[in-house]
Amino acid sequence: MISWNKYNLFKLPNKHRRFEYVPRYYDPRKEELEKKIRAAQKAAAKNGGEGDASIARELSFRQNTSDKWGNSEYKAQAMRSNLRLVIIFIIVLIGFYFLYQYLDDVGAFIDKETGK
């Protein structure tokens, strides 16, 4: 009997090869927070070692609070977006106002020019 596996036109791999990719995520805020926690723990160890958990909790709370309240870039972007929406809304309102005011005049002009 002839083994046709030797005579294939295209070579196929014998086994599936796995691509093992471990994604990496870099969070600068988390790294800064961990650095502050380590520094606070070293300072606490020099002073007697009490309250490691409370220091970590306090630093974490400060970091989260400053992230939410102190993001001036986000606030500025939201302000610009809101201002843009208000300006577009005002332009649309003015357009509708002029359309409503002068619709009869435009209609009469068209009728006059077409001879109706």
Protein backbone atom coordinates (compact mmCIF):
# COMPACT_ATOMS: atom_id res chain seq x y z
CA MET A 1 0.00 0.00 0.00
CA ILE A 2 1.26 3.54 -0.86
CA SER A 3 1.52 6.17 1.84
CA TRP A 4 0.11 9.35 0.30
CA ASN A 5 1.31 11.52 3.19
CA LYS A 6 4.78 11.61 1.63
CA TYR A 7 3.51 12.88 -1.71
CA ASN A 8 1.34 15.84 -0.72
CA LEU A 9 1.53 18.92 -2.85
CA PHE A 10 1.34 21.19 0.22
CA LYS A 11 3.13 20.40 3.42
CA LEU A 12 0.97 20.73 6.49
CA PRO A 13 2.37 20.85 10.00
CA ASN A 14 2.08 17.65 11.94
CA LYS A 15 1.01 19.25 15.17
CA HIS A 16 -0.67 22.48 16.08
CA ARG A 17 1.76 25.05 17.31
CA ARG A 18 0.57 27.24 20.10
CA PHE A 19 1.32 30.89 20.23
CA GLU A 20 1.76 31.78 23.86
CA TYR A 21 1.48 35.50 24.28
CA VAL A 22 1.30 36.94 27.76
CA PRO A 23 -0.10 40.46 27.52
CA ARG A 24 1.57 43.06 29.67
CA TYR A 25 -0.20 46.06 31.09
CA TYR A 26 1.61 49.04 32.52
CA ASP A 27 -0.27 51.21 34.97
CA PRO A 28 1.85 54.20 36.06
CA ARG A 29 -0.61 55.20 38.79
CA LYS A 30 -0.51 51.75 40.37
CA GLU A 31 3.27 51.69 40.22
CA GLU A 32 3.48 55.14 41.85
CA LEU A 33 1.03 54.03 44.54
CA GLU A 34 3.07 50.90 45.28
CA LYS A 35 6.22 53.00 45.48
CA LYS A 36 4.55 55.31 48.01
CA ILE A 37 3.30 52.34 50.02
CA ARG A 38 6.78 50.82 50.16
CA ALA A 39 8.26 54.15 51.26
CA ALA A 40 5.58 54.54 53.94
CA GLN A 41 6.18 50.98 55.16
CA LYS A 42 9.92 51.65 55.43
CA ALA A 43 9.20 54.81 57.41
CA ALA A 44 6.76 52.91 59.62
CA ALA A 45 9.33 50.14 60.17
CA LYS A 46 11.81 52.74 61.41
CA ASN A 47 9.17 54.15 63.80
CA GLY A 48 8.14 50.81 65.24
CA GLY A 49 6.18 49.04 62.51
CA GLU A 50 2.63 49.89 63.55
CA GLY A 51 -0.16 50.54 61.08
CA ASP A 52 1.15 49.15 57.79
CA ALA A 53 -2.36 48.34 56.57
CA SER A 54 -3.76 51.71 57.60
CA ILE A 55 -0.96 53.55 55.77
CA ALA A 56 -1.57 51.54 52.62
CA ARG A 57 -5.31 52.18 52.86
CA GLU A 58 -4.78 55.92 53.38
CA LEU A 59 -2.42 56.19 50.40
CA SER A 60 -4.81 54.21 48.22
CA PHE A 61 -7.72 56.47 49.23
CA ARG A 62 -5.67 59.61 48.50
CA GLN A 63 -4.63 58.29 45.11
CA ASN A 64 -8.19 57.36 44.09
CA THR A 65 -9.58 60.68 45.30
CA SER A 66 -6.99 62.75 43.49
CA ASP A 67 -7.57 60.76 40.29
CA LYS A 68 -11.28 61.46 40.31
CA TRP A 69 -11.33 65.07 41.47
CA GLY A 70 -8.11 66.48 40.12
CA ASN A 71 -8.30 65.45 36.48
CA SER A 72 -8.26 68.92 34.93
CA GLU A 73 -7.68 67.59 31.41
CA TYR A 74 -10.93 65.59 31.55
CA LYS A 75 -12.80 68.61 32.91
CA ALA A 76 -11.43 70.88 30.19
CA GLN A 77 -12.34 68.39 27.48
CA ALA A 78 -15.88 68.05 28.85
CA MET A 79 -16.21 71.85 28.98
CA ARG A 80 -15.11 72.23 25.36
CA SER A 81 -17.51 69.51 24.27
CA ASN A 82 -20.42 71.11 26.10
CA LEU A 83 -19.57 74.55 24.69
CA ARG A 84 -19.46 73.10 21.17
CA LEU A 85 -22.91 71.53 21.68
CA VAL A 86 -24.37 74.82 22.92
CA ILE A 87 -22.96 76.73 19.94
CA ILE A 88 -24.35 74.18 17.47
CA PHE A 89 -27.74 74.30 19.20
CA ILE A 90 -27.80 78.13 19.01
CA ILE A 91 -26.89 78.07 15.29
CA VAL A 92 -29.68 75.57 14.58
CA LEU A 93 -32.17 77.69 16.53
CA ILE A 94 -31.19 80.83 14.62
CA GLY A 95 -31.51 78.93 11.34
CA PHE A 96 -35.01 77.74 12.21
CA TYR A 97 -35.99 81.24 13.32
CA PHE A 98 -34.95 82.81 10.00
CA LEU A 99 -36.55 79.95 8.09
CA TYR A 100 -39.83 80.50 9.96
CA GLN A 101 -39.71 84.31 9.60
CA TYR A 102 -38.87 84.51 5.92
CA LEU A 103 -40.51 81.36 4.57
CA ASP A 104 -43.49 83.32 3.24
CA ASP A 105 -41.21 85.86 1.54
CA VAL A 106 -39.14 83.13 -0.08
CA GLY A 107 -42.30 81.34 -1.24
CA ALA A 108 -43.74 84.56 -2.71
CA PHE A 109 -40.44 85.27 -4.51
CA ILE A 110 -40.38 81.77 -6.01
CA ASP A 111 -44.02 82.07 -7.09
CA LYS A 112 -43.34 85.46 -8.67
CA GLU A 113 -40.29 84.22 -10.56
CA THR A 114 -41.95 81.05 -11.84
CA GLY A 115 -45.09 82.94 -12.84
CA LYS A 116 -47.58 81.05 -10.69
